[in-house]
Amino acid sequence: CYQIAKTKKRMSFETAKKIVNRLFDDDNGKSEAIILEFIGGEPLLEIDLIDKIIDYFLYQGTIRNHRWATYFMISICSNGVAYFEPKVQEFIKKHHKHLSFGISIDGCKELHDACRKDINGNGSYEQAFKAYKASLKDLNAEPGTKVTIAPENLPYLDKILDFFIDSGSTIIHANPIYEHEWTC
């Protein structure tokens, strides 16, 4: 989502199939398990494509009699805005046993909304936090989240961490933005 040269391009199913085939072809029985990670932009906007990719992955795992048909995880990191969409909820129910799902929250409402806006330019904290709480319940997950660290919010890192601790988070993933030049 912080990519410098954003485009409207999306991965085709044909490209995804080639990637899945290559994963299986190149494994040669070396890997016990695999994590299929879907990140942004916003992966939930492509939930139909992701579901199709997972179905193809499972099909390939089955016809190849590969252990990955059982030993796999799906990892999705989302802004949470589309979490309650019926297609997303169907996907979560279908794959909940193999799903690691995280909502990106960049701290309290003030800090989050300064960084993350919805399609109309409004802060997305309320939607993200509601999705975060629902995802913990839906997936019976340990409370955790992901914060994106940028030069703009680095001075508030203590406030961000306090927010997560006060919210009951026990896992806090922090990912720095790589595209910006860091001067501090």
Protein backbone atom coordinates (compact mmCIF):
# COMPACT_ATOMS: atom_id res chain seq x y z
CA CYS A 1 0.00 0.00 0.00
CA TYR A 2 3.02 2.28 0.30
CA GLN A 3 4.35 1.30 -3.11
CA ILE A 4 5.75 4.33 -4.93
CA ALA A 5 4.49 3.55 -8.45
CA LYS A 6 0.95 2.38 -7.71
CA THR A 7 -1.00 1.06 -10.67
CA LYS A 8 -4.41 -0.44 -11.33
CA LYS A 9 -2.79 -3.70 -12.46
CA ARG A 10 -3.84 -6.89 -10.74
CA MET A 11 -2.46 -10.38 -10.89
CA SER A 12 -4.32 -12.61 -13.31
CA PHE A 13 -5.44 -16.09 -12.34
CA GLU A 14 -3.19 -17.47 -15.07
CA THR A 15 -0.16 -15.83 -13.46
CA ALA A 16 -1.20 -17.13 -10.05
CA LYS A 17 -1.50 -20.67 -11.43
CA LYS A 18 2.04 -20.43 -12.80
CA ILE A 19 3.29 -19.33 -9.39
CA VAL A 20 1.48 -22.18 -7.62
CA ASN A 21 2.81 -24.72 -10.12
CA ARG A 22 6.33 -23.36 -9.69
CA LEU A 23 6.08 -23.64 -5.92
CA PHE A 24 5.21 -27.31 -6.19
CA ASP A 25 7.71 -28.00 -9.01
CA ASP A 26 10.60 -26.36 -7.16
CA ASP A 27 9.91 -27.91 -3.75
CA ASN A 28 11.23 -31.43 -4.47
CA GLY A 29 9.96 -32.58 -1.08
CA LYS A 30 12.21 -30.16 0.84
CA SER A 31 9.61 -28.06 2.67
CA GLU A 32 7.39 -29.52 5.36
CA ALA A 33 4.81 -26.75 5.07
CA ILE A 34 4.11 -23.51 3.23
CA ILE A 35 2.55 -20.13 3.98
CA LEU A 36 0.67 -18.44 1.15
CA GLU A 37 0.75 -14.74 1.97
CA PHE A 38 -1.58 -12.15 0.46
CA ILE A 39 -0.77 -8.52 1.20
CA GLY A 40 -1.61 -5.18 -0.36
CA GLY A 41 -2.65 -2.87 -1.59
CA GLU A 42 -5.73 -4.29 0.01
CA PRO A 43 -6.04 -8.07 -0.51
CA LEU A 44 -9.70 -8.28 0.51
CA LEU A 45 -10.59 -6.34 -2.65
CA GLU A 46 -9.46 -9.47 -4.53
CA ILE A 47 -11.06 -12.08 -2.25
CA ASP A 48 -12.65 -13.93 -5.19
CA LEU A 49 -9.26 -14.26 -6.88
CA ILE A 50 -7.57 -15.30 -3.62
CA ASP A 51 -10.23 -17.97 -3.07
CA LYS A 52 -9.73 -19.24 -6.61
CA ILE A 53 -5.95 -19.36 -6.07
CA ILE A 54 -6.35 -21.33 -2.83
CA ASP A 55 -8.73 -23.78 -4.52
CA TYR A 56 -6.18 -24.27 -7.31
CA PHE A 57 -3.37 -24.69 -4.77
CA LEU A 58 -5.36 -27.37 -2.90
CA TYR A 59 -6.22 -29.11 -6.17
CA GLN A 60 -2.54 -29.21 -7.16
CA GLY A 61 -1.56 -30.43 -3.70
CA THR A 62 -4.12 -33.22 -3.93
CA ILE A 63 -3.35 -34.44 -7.45
CA ARG A 64 0.38 -34.31 -6.70
CA ASN A 65 -0.17 -36.14 -3.38
CA HIS A 66 1.89 -33.40 -1.74
CA ARG A 67 1.91 -32.80 2.02
CA TRP A 68 1.11 -29.12 1.40
CA ALA A 69 -2.48 -30.13 0.67
CA THR A 70 -2.70 -30.45 4.47
CA TYR A 71 0.29 -28.51 5.82
CA PHE A 72 -0.30 -24.96 4.65
CA MET A 73 -1.38 -21.63 6.05
CA ILE A 74 -2.95 -18.64 4.38
CA SER A 75 -1.73 -15.30 5.69
CA ILE A 76 -3.68 -12.13 4.95
CA CYS A 77 -2.99 -8.65 6.23
CA SER A 78 -5.81 -6.20 5.63
CA ASN A 79 -6.89 -2.67 6.45
CA GLY A 80 -10.17 -4.21 7.65
CA VAL A 81 -12.49 -1.97 5.64
CA ALA A 82 -14.01 -4.88 3.66
CA TYR A 83 -13.89 -7.40 6.53
CA PHE A 84 -17.66 -7.62 6.95
CA GLU A 85 -18.43 -8.07 3.25
CA PRO A 86 -20.34 -11.36 2.69
CA LYS A 87 -17.70 -12.75 0.29
CA VAL A 88 -14.95 -12.08 2.82
CA GLN A 89 -16.93 -13.71 5.61
CA GLU A 90 -17.55 -16.77 3.41
CA PHE A 91 -13.82 -17.02 2.69
CA ILE A 92 -12.99 -16.78 6.41
CA LYS A 93 -15.49 -19.51 7.29
CA LYS A 94 -14.23 -21.73 4.48
CA HIS A 95 -10.54 -21.43 5.40
CA HIS A 96 -10.54 -20.53 9.12
CA LYS A 97 -8.50 -23.60 10.14
CA HIS A 98 -5.64 -22.53 7.85
CA LEU A 99 -5.98 -18.76 8.11
CA SER A 100 -3.72 -16.27 9.83
CA PHE A 101 -5.48 -12.94 9.52
CA GLY A 102 -4.27 -9.53 10.66
CA ILE A 103 -5.68 -6.04 10.61
CA SER A 104 -3.28 -3.12 10.22
CA ILE A 105 -3.88 -0.48 12.85
CA ASP A 106 -1.44 2.38 13.27
CA GLY A 107 -2.26 3.21 16.88
CA CYS A 108 -5.03 5.28 18.40
CA LYS A 109 -7.74 6.89 16.27
CA GLU A 110 -5.82 10.14 15.80
CA LEU A 111 -2.61 8.43 14.61
CA HIS A 112 -4.36 5.80 12.51
CA ASP A 113 -6.67 8.24 10.74
CA ALA A 114 -3.74 10.53 9.93
CA CYS A 115 -2.17 7.68 7.90
CA ARG A 116 -5.06 5.58 6.65
CA LYS A 117 -8.03 6.95 4.76
CA ASP A 118 -10.94 5.15 3.13
CA ILE A 119 -11.95 5.62 -0.50
CA ASN A 120 -13.79 8.86 0.42
CA GLY A 121 -10.78 10.34 2.22
CA ASN A 122 -12.15 9.68 5.71
CA GLY A 123 -10.11 8.05 8.45
CA SER A 124 -10.63 4.29 8.65
CA TYR A 125 -9.92 3.68 12.35
CA GLU A 126 -13.49 2.85 13.34
CA GLN A 127 -13.81 0.25 10.57
CA ALA A 128 -10.35 -1.21 11.21
CA PHE A 129 -10.78 -1.52 14.97
CA LYS A 130 -14.24 -3.06 14.62
CA ALA A 131 -12.80 -5.60 12.14
CA TYR A 132 -9.84 -6.26 14.44
CA LYS A 133 -12.12 -7.11 17.36
CA ALA A 134 -14.40 -9.25 15.18
CA SER A 135 -11.48 -11.13 13.63
CA LEU A 136 -10.16 -12.09 17.07
CA LYS A 137 -13.53 -13.60 17.92
CA ASP A 138 -14.17 -15.15 14.49
CA LEU A 139 -10.79 -16.84 14.29
CA ASN A 140 -10.29 -17.48 18.01
CA ALA A 141 -6.98 -15.70 17.63
CA GLU A 142 -4.50 -14.33 20.10
CA PRO A 143 -4.85 -10.53 20.18
CA GLY A 144 -2.36 -9.05 17.78
CA THR A 145 -2.04 -6.51 15.03
CA LYS A 146 0.37 -4.89 12.61
CA VAL A 147 1.52 -1.31 12.67
CA THR A 148 3.33 0.37 9.80
CA ILE A 149 6.21 2.52 10.94
CA ALA A 150 6.91 5.57 8.82
CA PRO A 151 9.09 8.63 9.43
CA GLU A 152 5.89 10.58 10.21
CA ASN A 153 4.74 8.33 13.07
CA LEU A 154 8.12 7.28 14.48
CA PRO A 155 8.06 10.07 17.12
CA TYR A 156 4.81 8.57 18.43
CA LEU A 157 6.04 4.98 18.75
CA ASP A 158 5.61 5.00 22.55
CA LYS A 159 2.02 6.24 22.17
CA ILE A 160 1.35 3.55 19.54
CA LEU A 161 2.72 0.77 21.76
CA ASP A 162 0.77 2.05 24.77
CA PHE A 163 -2.40 1.98 22.68
CA PHE A 164 -1.86 -1.67 21.69
CA ILE A 165 -0.98 -2.75 25.21
CA ASP A 166 -4.04 -0.95 26.61
CA SER A 167 -6.17 -2.62 23.91
CA GLY A 168 -5.04 -6.07 25.07
CA SER A 169 -2.78 -6.89 22.14
CA THR A 170 -0.21 -9.53 22.96
CA ILE A 171 1.40 -9.64 19.51
CA ILE A 172 2.48 -6.46 17.73
CA HIS A 173 4.08 -6.77 14.33
CA ALA A 174 5.82 -3.61 13.18
CA ASN A 175 6.74 -3.16 9.54
CA PRO A 176 8.75 -0.17 8.41
CA ILE A 177 8.03 1.56 5.14
CA TYR A 178 10.94 0.78 2.86
CA GLU A 179 10.11 3.12 0.00
CA HIS A 180 10.69 6.37 1.90
CA GLU A 181 14.09 7.75 2.66
CA TRP A 182 14.73 7.66 6.40
CA THR A 183 16.60 10.68 7.73
CA CYS A 184 16.05 10.25 11.47
